[in-house]
C-alpha atoms as a PDB file:
ATOM      1  CA  MET A   1      -7.804   4.270  -1.999  1.00  0.00           C
ATOM      2  CA  ILE A   2      -4.232   4.831  -0.901  1.00  0.00           C
ATOM      3  CA  TRP A   3      -2.411   6.059   2.151  1.00  0.00           C
ATOM      4  CA  GLU A   4       1.089   7.415   2.771  1.00  0.00           C
ATOM      5  CA  ALA A   5       2.052   5.560   5.963  1.00  0.00           C
ATOM      6  CA  VAL A   6       1.602   4.978   9.671  1.00  0.00           C
ATOM      7  CA  SER A   7       1.694   8.082  11.876  1.00  0.00           C
ATOM      8  CA  ALA A   8       4.342   7.512  14.538  1.00  0.00           C
ATOM      9  CA  ILE A   9       4.963  11.180  15.278  1.00  0.00           C
ATOM     10  CA  GLY A  10       3.378  10.768  18.691  1.00  0.00           C
ATOM     11  CA  CYS A  11       6.391   8.795  19.871  1.00  0.00           C
ATOM     12  CA  LEU A  12       8.288  12.072  20.222  1.00  0.00           C
ATOM     13  CA  ALA A  13       6.300  13.116  23.259  1.00  0.00           C
ATOM     14  CA  GLY A  14       7.731  12.647  26.749  1.00  0.00           C
ATOM     15  CA  TYR A  15      11.419  12.284  25.835  1.00  0.00           C
ATOM     16  CA  LYS A  16      14.424  14.439  26.583  1.00  0.00           C
ATOM     17  CA  LYS A  17      16.060  16.374  23.771  1.00  0.00           C
ATOM     18  CA  LYS A  18      18.634  13.698  22.982  1.00  0.00           C
ATOM     19  CA  SER A  19      15.970  11.006  22.995  1.00  0.00           C
ATOM     20  CA  ARG A  20      13.727  13.196  20.897  1.00  0.00           C
ATOM     21  CA  ARG A  21      16.401  13.609  18.241  1.00  0.00           C
ATOM     22  CA  LYS A  22      16.929   9.854  18.187  1.00  0.00           C
ATOM     23  CA  SER A  23      13.190   9.270  18.053  1.00  0.00           C
ATOM     24  CA  LEU A  24      12.837  11.749  15.211  1.00  0.00           C
ATOM     25  CA  ARG A  25      15.473   9.934  13.180  1.00  0.00           C
ATOM     26  CA  ILE A  26      13.699   6.651  13.827  1.00  0.00           C
ATOM     27  CA  VAL A  27      10.339   8.115  12.828  1.00  0.00           C
ATOM     28  CA  GLN A  28      11.781   9.610   9.640  1.00  0.00           C
ATOM     29  CA  PHE A  29      13.425   6.318   8.711  1.00  0.00           C
ATOM     30  CA  ALA A  30      10.274   4.381   9.557  1.00  0.00           C
ATOM     31  CA  ALA A  31       8.238   6.807   7.471  1.00  0.00           C
ATOM     32  CA  VAL A  32      10.248   5.879   4.405  1.00  0.00           C
ATOM     33  CA  TRP A  33       9.704   2.182   5.030  1.00  0.00           C
ATOM     34  CA  LEU A  34       6.030   2.512   5.800  1.00  0.00           C
ATOM     35  CA  ALA A  35       5.436   4.820   2.838  1.00  0.00           C
ATOM     36  CA  VAL A  36       5.828   1.880   0.475  1.00  0.00           C
ATOM     37  CA  ALA A  37       2.181   1.229   1.317  1.00  0.00           C
ATOM     38  CA  ALA A  38       1.256   4.241  -0.801  1.00  0.00           C
ATOM     39  CA  PRO A  39       0.739   2.277  -4.057  1.00  0.00           C
ATOM     40  CA  ALA A  40      -1.049  -0.503  -2.202  1.00  0.00           C
ATOM     41  CA  LEU A  41      -3.906  -0.723  -4.678  1.00  0.00           C
ATOM     42  CA  HIS A  42      -1.871   0.339  -7.680  1.00  0.00           C
ATOM     43  CA  GLY A  43       0.659  -2.404  -8.252  1.00  0.00           C
ATOM     44  CA  GLN A  44      -1.715  -4.886  -6.686  1.00  0.00           C
ATOM     45  CA  GLU A  45      -4.771  -4.396  -8.871  1.00  0.00           C
ATOM     46  CA  LEU A  46      -6.589  -7.599  -9.803  1.00  0.00           C
ATOM     47  CA  GLU A  47      -9.228  -6.631 -12.361  1.00  0.00           C
ATOM     48  CA  PRO A  48     -10.286  -9.330 -14.835  1.00  0.00           C
ATOM     49  CA  ARG A  49     -11.897  -8.626 -18.233  1.00  0.00           C
ATOM     50  CA  THR A  50     -10.211  -5.250 -18.612  1.00  0.00           C
ATOM     51  CA  TYR A  51      -9.668  -5.932 -22.311  1.00  0.00           C
ATOM     52  CA  ALA A  52     -12.942  -7.700 -23.112  1.00  0.00           C
ATOM     53  CA  ASN A  53     -14.853  -6.390 -26.097  1.00  0.00           C
ATOM     54  CA  THR A  54     -17.886  -4.262 -25.167  1.00  0.00           C
ATOM     55  CA  PRO A  55     -20.682  -2.950 -27.432  1.00  0.00           C
ATOM     56  CA  VAL A  56     -20.262   0.757 -28.154  1.00  0.00           C
ATOM     57  CA  GLY A  57     -22.572   3.366 -26.678  1.00  0.00           C
ATOM     58  CA  LEU A  58     -23.039   1.689 -23.295  1.00  0.00           C
ATOM     59  CA  ASN A  59     -22.815   3.618 -20.034  1.00  0.00           C
ATOM     60  CA  PHE A  60     -22.028   2.060 -16.657  1.00  0.00           C
ATOM     61  CA  LEU A  61     -22.679   3.500 -13.216  1.00  0.00           C
ATOM     62  CA  ILE A  62     -20.710   1.638 -10.562  1.00  0.00           C
ATOM     63  CA  ALA A  63     -20.718   1.756  -6.766  1.00  0.00           C
ATOM     64  CA  GLY A  64     -18.557  -0.465  -4.592  1.00  0.00           C
ATOM     65  CA  TYR A  65     -17.508  -1.144  -1.031  1.00  0.00           C
ATOM     66  CA  GLY A  66     -14.150  -2.616  -0.060  1.00  0.00           C
ATOM     67  CA  HIS A  67     -12.470  -3.714   3.161  1.00  0.00           C
ATOM     68  CA  LEU A  68      -8.714  -4.062   3.506  1.00  0.00           C
ATOM     69  CA  GLU A  69      -6.839  -5.301   6.557  1.00  0.00           C
ATOM     70  CA  GLY A  70      -3.274  -6.405   7.223  1.00  0.00           C
ATOM     71  CA  GLY A  71       0.202  -5.548   8.401  1.00  0.00           C
ATOM     72  CA  VAL A  72       3.163  -3.646   6.999  1.00  0.00           C
ATOM     73  CA  ALA A  73       6.456  -5.401   6.257  1.00  0.00           C
ATOM     74  CA  ILE A  74       9.291  -3.097   7.392  1.00  0.00           C
ATOM     75  CA  ASP A  75      12.939  -3.298   8.405  1.00  0.00           C
ATOM     76  CA  PRO A  76      13.147  -5.630  11.440  1.00  0.00           C
ATOM     77  CA  ALA A  77      15.954  -3.435  12.816  1.00  0.00           C
ATOM     78  CA  LEU A  78      13.476  -0.616  13.449  1.00  0.00           C
ATOM     79  CA  PRO A  79      11.867  -0.401  16.914  1.00  0.00           C
ATOM     80  CA  ILE A  80       8.387  -0.606  15.384  1.00  0.00           C
ATOM     81  CA  GLU A  81       6.261  -3.713  15.816  1.00  0.00           C
ATOM     82  CA  ASN A  82       2.731  -5.001  15.354  1.00  0.00           C
ATOM     83  CA  THR A  83       1.865  -2.512  12.623  1.00  0.00           C
ATOM     84  CA  GLN A  84      -1.736  -3.018  11.531  1.00  0.00           C
ATOM     85  CA  VAL A  85      -3.733  -1.221   8.854  1.00  0.00           C
ATOM     86  CA  GLU A  86      -7.515  -1.358   8.349  1.00  0.00           C
ATOM     87  CA  VAL A  87      -9.344   0.482   5.580  1.00  0.00           C
ATOM     88  CA  HIS A  88     -13.009   0.749   4.665  1.00  0.00           C
ATOM     89  CA  SER A  89     -13.650   2.395   1.311  1.00  0.00           C
ATOM     90  CA  VAL A  90     -16.453   3.247  -1.072  1.00  0.00           C
ATOM     91  CA  ALA A  91     -15.973   4.154  -4.707  1.00  0.00           C
ATOM     92  CA  PHE A  92     -18.203   5.616  -7.380  1.00  0.00           C
ATOM     93  CA  ALA A  93     -17.350   5.249 -11.050  1.00  0.00           C
ATOM     94  CA  TYR A  94     -18.638   6.056 -14.516  1.00  0.00           C
ATOM     95  CA  VAL A  95     -17.638   4.053 -17.594  1.00  0.00           C
ATOM     96  CA  ARG A  96     -18.437   4.801 -21.250  1.00  0.00           C
ATOM     97  CA  SER A  97     -17.788   2.432 -24.170  1.00  0.00           C
ATOM     98  CA  PHE A  98     -17.265   3.886 -27.647  1.00  0.00           C
ATOM     99  CA  GLY A  99     -15.532   3.345 -30.949  1.00  0.00           C
ATOM    100  CA  PHE A 100     -12.007   4.659 -31.511  1.00  0.00           C
ATOM    101  CA  LEU A 101     -10.661   4.384 -35.072  1.00  0.00           C
ATOM    102  CA  GLY A 102     -13.009   1.458 -35.615  1.00  0.00           C
ATOM    103  CA  LYS A 103     -11.878  -0.375 -32.471  1.00  0.00           C
ATOM    104  CA  SER A 104     -13.706  -0.852 -29.177  1.00  0.00           C
ATOM    105  CA  ALA A 105     -12.602   1.529 -26.446  1.00  0.00           C
ATOM    106  CA  LYS A 106     -13.618   2.608 -22.947  1.00  0.00           C
ATOM    107  CA  PHE A 107     -13.161   5.577 -20.675  1.00  0.00           C
ATOM    108  CA  ASP A 108     -13.717   5.416 -16.944  1.00  0.00           C
ATOM    109  CA  VAL A 109     -13.346   7.758 -13.999  1.00  0.00           C
ATOM    110  CA  VAL A 110     -13.304   6.673 -10.327  1.00  0.00           C
ATOM    111  CA  LEU A 111     -13.859   8.771  -7.201  1.00  0.00           C
ATOM    112  CA  PRO A 112     -13.029   6.931  -3.922  1.00  0.00           C
ATOM    113  CA  TYR A 113     -13.716   7.817  -0.292  1.00  0.00           C
ATOM    114  CA  ALA A 114     -12.092   5.944   2.584  1.00  0.00           C
ATOM    115  CA  TRP A 115     -11.827   5.496   6.342  1.00  0.00           C
ATOM    116  CA  ALA A 116      -8.423   4.243   7.502  1.00  0.00           C
ATOM    117  CA  SER A 117      -6.978   3.330  10.883  1.00  0.00           C
ATOM    118  CA  VAL A 118      -3.437   2.339  11.813  1.00  0.00           C
ATOM    119  CA  SER A 119      -1.908   1.037  15.029  1.00  0.00           C
ATOM    120  CA  ALA A 120       1.735   0.272  15.791  1.00  0.00           C
ATOM    121  CA  THR A 121       4.046  -0.218  18.743  1.00  0.00           C
ATOM    122  CA  ALA A 122       6.798   2.397  18.362  1.00  0.00           C
ATOM    123  CA  LEU A 123       9.621   2.565  20.886  1.00  0.00           C
ATOM    124  CA  GLY A 124       7.572   0.382  23.201  1.00  0.00           C
ATOM    125  CA  GLN A 125       4.449   2.564  23.087  1.00  0.00           C
ATOM    126  CA  LEU A 126       1.207   1.870  21.261  1.00  0.00           C
ATOM    127  CA  ARG A 127       0.362   4.562  18.692  1.00  0.00           C
ATOM    128  CA  GLU A 128      -2.901   4.845  16.792  1.00  0.00           C
ATOM    129  CA  ARG A 129      -4.387   7.157  14.184  1.00  0.00           C
ATOM    130  CA  ASP A 130      -7.687   7.335  12.299  1.00  0.00           C
ATOM    131  CA  VAL A 131      -8.373   9.376   9.184  1.00  0.00           C
ATOM    132  CA  SER A 132     -11.187   9.676   6.630  1.00  0.00           C
ATOM    133  CA  GLY A 133     -11.764  11.611   3.453  1.00  0.00           C
ATOM    134  CA  LEU A 134     -11.423  11.534  -0.316  1.00  0.00           C
ATOM    135  CA  ALA A 135      -8.680   9.399  -1.832  1.00  0.00           C
ATOM    136  CA  ASP A 136      -6.925  10.214  -5.100  1.00  0.00           C
ATOM    137  CA  PRO A 137      -9.301  10.077  -8.111  1.00  0.00           C
ATOM    138  CA  ARG A 138      -8.288   8.249 -11.251  1.00  0.00           C
ATOM    139  CA  ALA A 139      -9.191   8.171 -14.948  1.00  0.00           C
ATOM    140  CA  ARG A 140      -8.372   5.526 -17.548  1.00  0.00           C
ATOM    141  CA  PHE A 141      -8.600   5.207 -21.311  1.00  0.00           C
ATOM    142  CA  SER A 142      -8.351   1.756 -22.897  1.00  0.00           C
ATOM    143  CA  VAL A 143      -8.587   0.562 -26.495  1.00  0.00           C
ATOM    144  CA  ASN A 144      -8.528  -2.926 -28.039  1.00  0.00           C
ATOM    145  CA  PHE A 145      -6.534  -2.476 -31.237  1.00  0.00           C
ATOM    146  CA  TYR A 146      -6.693  -6.122 -32.380  1.00  0.00           C
ATOM    147  CA  GLY A 147      -9.533  -8.646 -32.365  1.00  0.00           C
ATOM    148  CA  ALA A 148     -12.244  -6.384 -30.941  1.00  0.00           C
ATOM    149  CA  PRO A 149     -13.951  -4.151 -33.524  1.00  0.00           C
ATOM    150  CA  ALA A 150     -16.352  -1.410 -32.464  1.00  0.00           C
ATOM    151  CA  LEU A 151     -19.813  -2.988 -32.704  1.00  0.00           C
ATOM    152  CA  SER A 152     -23.321  -1.884 -31.837  1.00  0.00           C
ATOM    153  CA  LEU A 153     -25.326  -3.981 -29.410  1.00  0.00           C
ATOM    154  CA  GLU A 154     -27.242  -5.531 -32.307  1.00  0.00           C
ATOM    155  CA  ASP A 155     -24.091  -6.456 -34.243  1.00  0.00           C
ATOM    156  CA  PHE A 156     -22.380  -7.669 -31.089  1.00  0.00           C
ATOM    157  CA  LYS A 157     -24.783 -10.643 -30.927  1.00  0.00           C
ATOM    158  CA  ASN A 158     -22.828 -12.272 -33.784  1.00  0.00           C
ATOM    159  CA  TYR A 159     -19.373 -11.496 -32.405  1.00  0.00           C
ATOM    160  CA  GLN A 160     -17.141 -14.397 -31.356  1.00  0.00           C
ATOM    161  CA  GLN A 161     -13.944 -13.580 -29.505  1.00  0.00           C
ATOM    162  CA  ASP A 162     -10.674 -15.237 -30.441  1.00  0.00           C
ATOM    163  CA  ALA A 163      -7.624 -13.220 -29.388  1.00  0.00           C
ATOM    164  CA  ILE A 164      -7.711  -9.576 -28.285  1.00  0.00           C
ATOM    165  CA  ILE A 165      -4.736  -7.266 -27.834  1.00  0.00           C
ATOM    166  CA  GLY A 166      -5.315  -3.935 -26.114  1.00  0.00           C
ATOM    167  CA  ALA A 167      -3.650  -1.129 -24.234  1.00  0.00           C
ATOM    168  CA  SER A 168      -4.635   1.363 -21.562  1.00  0.00           C
ATOM    169  CA  VAL A 169      -3.355   4.479 -19.833  1.00  0.00           C
ATOM    170  CA  GLU A 170      -4.426   5.316 -16.276  1.00  0.00           C
ATOM    171  CA  ILE A 171      -3.812   8.649 -14.575  1.00  0.00           C
ATOM    172  CA  THR A 172      -4.154   9.214 -10.832  1.00  0.00           C
ATOM    173  CA  ALA A 173      -4.487  12.832  -9.673  1.00  0.00           C
ATOM    174  CA  PRO A 174      -3.482  14.304  -6.271  1.00  0.00           C
ATOM    175  CA  GLY A 175      -7.027  15.034  -5.147  1.00  0.00           C
ATOM    176  CA  GLY A 176      -7.192  13.041  -1.936  1.00  0.00           C
ATOM    177  CA  GLN A 177      -6.972  14.126   1.702  1.00  0.00           C
ATOM    178  CA  TYR A 178      -3.355  15.046   2.517  1.00  0.00           C
ATOM    179  CA  ASP A 179      -1.631  16.537   5.571  1.00  0.00           C
ATOM    180  CA  ALA A 180       2.141  16.934   5.274  1.00  0.00           C
ATOM    181  CA  GLY A 181       2.450  16.837   9.061  1.00  0.00           C
ATOM    182  CA  LYS A 182       1.096  13.277   9.204  1.00  0.00           C
ATOM    183  CA  LEU A 183       2.411  10.004   7.863  1.00  0.00           C
ATOM    184  CA  LEU A 184      -1.028   8.454   7.410  1.00  0.00           C
ATOM    185  CA  ASN A 185      -2.871  10.028   4.496  1.00  0.00           C
ATOM    186  CA  LEU A 186      -5.509   8.964   2.004  1.00  0.00           C
ATOM    187  CA  GLY A 187      -3.942  11.003  -0.789  1.00  0.00           C
ATOM    188  CA  THR A 188      -0.369  10.971  -2.086  1.00  0.00           C
ATOM    189  CA  ASN A 189       0.139  14.633  -3.115  1.00  0.00           C
ATOM    190  CA  ARG A 190       1.506  13.579  -6.510  1.00  0.00           C
ATOM    191  CA  TRP A 191       0.480  12.313  -9.932  1.00  0.00           C
ATOM    192  CA  SER A 192       0.989   8.839 -11.330  1.00  0.00           C
ATOM    193  CA  VAL A 193       0.653   7.420 -14.841  1.00  0.00           C
ATOM    194  CA  LYS A 194       0.350   3.748 -15.711  1.00  0.00           C
ATOM    195  CA  PRO A 195       0.519   2.500 -19.321  1.00  0.00           C
ATOM    196  CA  GLU A 196      -0.383  -1.178 -19.762  1.00  0.00           C
ATOM    197  CA  ILE A 197      -0.653  -3.750 -22.561  1.00  0.00           C
ATOM    198  CA  GLY A 198      -3.000  -6.719 -22.275  1.00  0.00           C
ATOM    199  CA  VAL A 199      -3.859  -9.904 -24.177  1.00  0.00           C
ATOM    200  CA  SER A 200      -7.090 -11.886 -23.905  1.00  0.00           C
ATOM    201  CA  LYS A 201      -7.522 -15.340 -25.474  1.00  0.00           C
ATOM    202  CA  HIS A 202     -10.860 -17.168 -25.672  1.00  0.00           C
ATOM    203  CA  LEU A 203     -10.822 -21.001 -25.384  1.00  0.00           C
ATOM    204  CA  GLY A 204     -14.391 -22.289 -25.222  1.00  0.00           C
ATOM    205  CA  PRO A 205     -15.862 -21.330 -21.836  1.00  0.00           C
ATOM    206  CA  VAL A 206     -12.405 -20.286 -20.614  1.00  0.00           C
ATOM    207  CA  THR A 207     -10.728 -16.943 -21.232  1.00  0.00           C
ATOM    208  CA  LEU A 208      -7.064 -16.366 -20.425  1.00  0.00           C
ATOM    209  CA  GLU A 209      -5.847 -12.830 -19.796  1.00  0.00           C
ATOM    210  CA  LEU A 210      -2.336 -11.485 -19.282  1.00  0.00           C
ATOM    211  CA  ALA A 211      -1.395  -7.834 -18.825  1.00  0.00           C
ATOM    212  CA  GLY A 212       1.836  -6.030 -18.016  1.00  0.00           C
ATOM    213  CA  GLY A 213       2.355  -2.400 -17.095  1.00  0.00           C
ATOM    214  CA  VAL A 214       4.529   0.132 -15.336  1.00  0.00           C
ATOM    215  CA  ARG A 215       3.454   2.985 -13.041  1.00  0.00           C
ATOM    216  CA  PHE A 216       5.459   6.213 -13.038  1.00  0.00           C
ATOM    217  CA  TYR A 217       5.272   8.739 -10.195  1.00  0.00           C
ATOM    218  CA  THR A 218       5.890  12.434  -9.950  1.00  0.00           C
ATOM    219  CA  ASP A 219       7.676  13.727  -6.853  1.00  0.00           C
ATOM    220  CA  ASN A 220       5.981  14.668  -3.597  1.00  0.00           C
ATOM    221  CA  ASP A 221       7.759  17.875  -2.542  1.00  0.00           C
ATOM    222  CA  ASP A 222       5.835  18.197   0.736  1.00  0.00           C
ATOM    223  CA  PHE A 223       6.355  14.809   2.344  1.00  0.00           C
ATOM    224  CA  PHE A 224       6.233  14.722   6.147  1.00  0.00           C
ATOM    225  CA  GLY A 225       7.263  18.287   6.891  1.00  0.00           C
ATOM    226  CA  GLY A 226       8.448  19.558   3.508  1.00  0.00           C
ATOM    227  CA  ARG A 227      10.804  16.757   2.466  1.00  0.00           C
ATOM    228  CA  LEU A 228      11.200  15.643  -1.135  1.00  0.00           C
ATOM    229  CA  ARG A 229       9.916  12.110  -1.683  1.00  0.00           C
ATOM    230  CA  GLU A 230      10.748  10.380  -4.956  1.00  0.00           C
ATOM    231  CA  GLN A 231       9.730   6.889  -6.044  1.00  0.00           C
ATOM    232  CA  GLU A 232      11.009   4.681  -8.811  1.00  0.00           C
ATOM    233  CA  PRO A 233       8.486   3.029 -11.174  1.00  0.00           C
ATOM    234  CA  ILE A 234       6.613  -0.103 -10.148  1.00  0.00           C
ATOM    235  CA  TYR A 235       6.501  -2.857 -12.774  1.00  0.00           C
ATOM    236  CA  SER A 236       3.603  -5.281 -12.633  1.00  0.00           C
ATOM    237  CA  VAL A 237       2.210  -8.300 -14.442  1.00  0.00           C
ATOM    238  CA  ARG A 238      -1.193  -9.829 -13.780  1.00  0.00           C
ATOM    239  CA  GLY A 239      -3.034 -12.857 -15.073  1.00  0.00           C
ATOM    240  CA  HIS A 240      -6.618 -14.086 -14.980  1.00  0.00           C
ATOM    241  CA  LEU A 241      -8.249 -17.431 -15.712  1.00  0.00           C
ATOM    242  CA  ILE A 242     -11.930 -16.726 -16.369  1.00  0.00           C
ATOM    243  CA  TYR A 243     -14.663 -19.335 -16.690  1.00  0.00           C
ATOM    244  CA  SER A 244     -18.015 -18.350 -18.184  1.00  0.00           C
ATOM    245  CA  PHE A 245     -21.113 -20.133 -16.932  1.00  0.00           C
ATOM    246  CA  SER A 246     -24.620 -19.830 -18.360  1.00  0.00           C
ATOM    247  CA  HIS A 247     -26.875 -16.793 -17.949  1.00  0.00           C
ATOM    248  CA  GLY A 248     -23.972 -14.340 -17.905  1.00  0.00           C
ATOM    249  CA  ILE A 249     -22.339 -15.681 -14.726  1.00  0.00           C
ATOM    250  CA  TRP A 250     -18.549 -15.829 -14.702  1.00  0.00           C
ATOM    251  CA  ALA A 251     -15.778 -16.468 -12.185  1.00  0.00           C
ATOM    252  CA  ALA A 252     -12.057 -15.747 -12.294  1.00  0.00           C
ATOM    253  CA  LEU A 253      -8.861 -16.764 -10.541  1.00  0.00           C
ATOM    254  CA  ASP A 254      -6.536 -13.758 -10.381  1.00  0.00           C
ATOM    255  CA  GLY A 255      -2.851 -13.246  -9.706  1.00  0.00           C
ATOM    256  CA  THR A 256      -0.329 -10.426  -9.843  1.00  0.00           C
ATOM    257  CA  PHE A 257       3.387  -9.869  -9.297  1.00  0.00           C
ATOM    258  CA  TYR A 258       4.919  -6.416  -8.950  1.00  0.00           C
ATOM    259  CA  THR A 259       8.393  -5.118  -8.261  1.00  0.00           C
ATOM    260  CA  GLY A 260      10.270  -1.832  -7.980  1.00  0.00           C
ATOM    261  CA  GLY A 261       9.110   1.339  -6.262  1.00  0.00           C
ATOM    262  CA  GLN A 262      12.278   2.123  -4.306  1.00  0.00           C
ATOM    263  CA  ILE A 263      11.862   5.382  -2.391  1.00  0.00           C
ATOM    264  CA  THR A 264      14.293   8.292  -1.998  1.00  0.00           C
ATOM    265  CA  VAL A 265      13.763  11.043   0.572  1.00  0.00           C
ATOM    266  CA  ASP A 266      15.873  14.221   0.308  1.00  0.00           C
ATOM    267  CA  GLY A 267      18.341  12.404  -1.926  1.00  0.00           C
ATOM    268  CA  VAL A 268      18.825   9.386   0.360  1.00  0.00           C
ATOM    269  CA  LYS A 269      17.757   6.032  -1.069  1.00  0.00           C
ATOM    270  CA  ARG A 270      16.203   3.415   1.185  1.00  0.00           C
ATOM    271  CA  ASN A 271      16.280  -0.355   0.922  1.00  0.00           C
ATOM    272  CA  ASN A 272      12.549  -0.730   0.339  1.00  0.00           C
ATOM    273  CA  ARG A 273      12.227  -2.102  -3.180  1.00  0.00           C
ATOM    274  CA  GLN A 274       9.033  -4.115  -3.461  1.00  0.00           C
ATOM    275  CA  GLU A 275       8.812  -7.653  -4.837  1.00  0.00           C
ATOM    276  CA  ASN A 276       5.383  -8.927  -3.925  1.00  0.00           C
ATOM    277  CA  THR A 277       2.811 -11.466  -5.126  1.00  0.00           C
ATOM    278  CA  ARG A 278      -0.951 -11.592  -4.632  1.00  0.00           C
ATOM    279  CA  LEU A 279      -3.695 -14.080  -5.518  1.00  0.00           C
ATOM    280  CA  GLY A 280      -7.445 -13.574  -5.631  1.00  0.00           C
ATOM    281  CA  ALA A 281     -10.820 -14.576  -7.006  1.00  0.00           C
ATOM    282  CA  THR A 282     -13.732 -12.722  -8.600  1.00  0.00           C
ATOM    283  CA  VAL A 283     -17.354 -13.753  -9.208  1.00  0.00           C
ATOM    284  CA  ALA A 284     -19.884 -11.806 -11.313  1.00  0.00           C
ATOM    285  CA  LEU A 285     -23.618 -12.406 -10.908  1.00  0.00           C
ATOM    286  CA  PRO A 286     -26.152 -10.722 -13.212  1.00  0.00           C
ATOM    287  CA  VAL A 287     -29.351  -9.539 -11.543  1.00  0.00           C
ATOM    288  CA  ASN A 288     -31.226  -8.545 -14.690  1.00  0.00           C
ATOM    289  CA  ARG A 289     -30.484  -7.028 -18.116  1.00  0.00           C
ATOM    290  CA  GLN A 290     -29.195  -3.786 -16.624  1.00  0.00           C
ATOM    291  CA  ASN A 291     -27.854  -4.709 -13.190  1.00  0.00           C
ATOM    292  CA  SER A 292     -25.119  -7.019 -11.945  1.00  0.00           C
ATOM    293  CA  VAL A 293     -23.127  -7.649  -8.764  1.00  0.00           C
ATOM    294  CA  LYS A 294     -19.450  -8.562  -8.492  1.00  0.00           C
ATOM    295  CA  LEU A 295     -17.704 -10.068  -5.445  1.00  0.00           C
ATOM    296  CA  TYR A 296     -13.923 -10.198  -5.028  1.00  0.00           C
ATOM    297  CA  PHE A 297     -11.258 -11.319  -2.601  1.00  0.00           C
ATOM    298  CA  SER A 298      -7.447 -11.221  -2.671  1.00  0.00           C
ATOM    299  CA  THR A 299      -4.600 -11.979  -0.306  1.00  0.00           C
ATOM    300  CA  GLY A 300      -0.843 -11.548  -0.181  1.00  0.00           C
ATOM    301  CA  VAL A 301       1.262 -14.619  -0.953  1.00  0.00           C
ATOM    302  CA  SER A 302       4.701 -13.080  -0.523  1.00  0.00           C
ATOM    303  CA  THR A 303       5.709  -9.568   0.571  1.00  0.00           C
ATOM    304  CA  ARG A 304       9.240  -8.144   0.543  1.00  0.00           C
ATOM    305  CA  ALA A 305       8.198  -4.624   1.595  1.00  0.00           C
ATOM    306  CA  GLY A 306       4.902  -2.784   1.897  1.00  0.00           C
ATOM    307  CA  THR A 307       1.448  -3.759   2.994  1.00  0.00           C
ATOM    308  CA  ASP A 308       0.632  -7.466   3.324  1.00  0.00           C
ATOM    309  CA  PHE A 309      -3.154  -7.408   3.433  1.00  0.00           C
ATOM    310  CA  ASP A 310      -6.382  -9.272   2.745  1.00  0.00           C
ATOM    311  CA  ALA A 311      -8.952  -7.416   0.661  1.00  0.00           C
ATOM    312  CA  ALA A 312     -12.613  -8.167  -0.052  1.00  0.00           C
ATOM    313  CA  GLY A 313     -15.467  -6.200  -1.518  1.00  0.00           C
ATOM    314  CA  ILE A 314     -18.693  -6.001  -3.450  1.00  0.00           C
ATOM    315  CA  VAL A 315     -19.468  -3.920  -6.543  1.00  0.00           C
ATOM    316  CA  TRP A 316     -22.854  -3.041  -8.013  1.00  0.00           C
ATOM    317  CA  GLN A 317     -23.071  -2.110 -11.707  1.00  0.00           C
ATOM    318  CA  TYR A 318     -25.925  -0.492 -13.621  1.00  0.00           C
ATOM    319  CA  ARG A 319     -25.696  -0.176 -17.407  1.00  0.00           C
ATOM    320  CA  PHE A 320     -27.816   1.858 -19.795  1.00  0.00           C
ATOM    321  CA  GLY A 321     -27.813   3.307 -23.290  1.00  0.00           C
ATOM    322  CA  GLY A 322     -26.478   1.712 -26.443  1.00  0.00           C
ATOM    323  CA  GLY A 323     -29.836   0.207 -27.380  1.00  0.00           C
ATOM    324  CA  LEU A 324     -30.517  -1.668 -24.143  1.00  0.00           C
END
């Protein structure tokens, strides 16, 4: 789930022409600052066990609910205050594990739907907007090319992890709700591609994971009334400390740092490069052989620009096939 920015267009109403022109400039400038929220759940992903070995032939059906709430860090010189964002989202996903050149690999596709609301005080007036609809879908292919051979469920019983090195490529498509006349949108009207490399090391009941990636964006040529919005890549690194308990229960401490993403609108660069840090935790609880539940929470530790939010959610997973 992603959104373009806060809709402050309503602040144009009730002003004389000169004031309207000034207000329009302020809104356009604010739009650039607030639009750094667009990759909110891209650079800030905290997903442990991405590169864990998985028996081939398994299928996973996943449904999740998430709640996100927080403010937006913008230029203090702008006459916009008390910006608050709240998002409720549901996501449905399908994951398939398989062998790729003798190595374990996975493919997943995610379709999210969201309800978002934003409020802000712009030029001394409270402005609010609510929107709901599909967010941009995504697909990802990942393969573990070292330390994780493709194994059937039967052979997997004898597998002992040491070190795993893997890579993934995620593609986000412009399929979400988008209105060029509004600043708040659930879709981004552009594509993005994120290659990533990850390492997972097993140390008794503890697993350490480290992954680094970069997300590239295509241009949005219909941003807020037909403007051209460009964004530089966002570089991210994330780490996870995972502890495995008995009976398939595990918990993780998660952290991520991401930087970059400076935005240009109609050739004019803005001072909105991100340099943010987040921390979180994840707990996985098996229900039975085929079902499990995962709980997660994360919060912003430092935010240079963009959305400083708390996020929490629950995910249900059902697996089948592969000899289960």
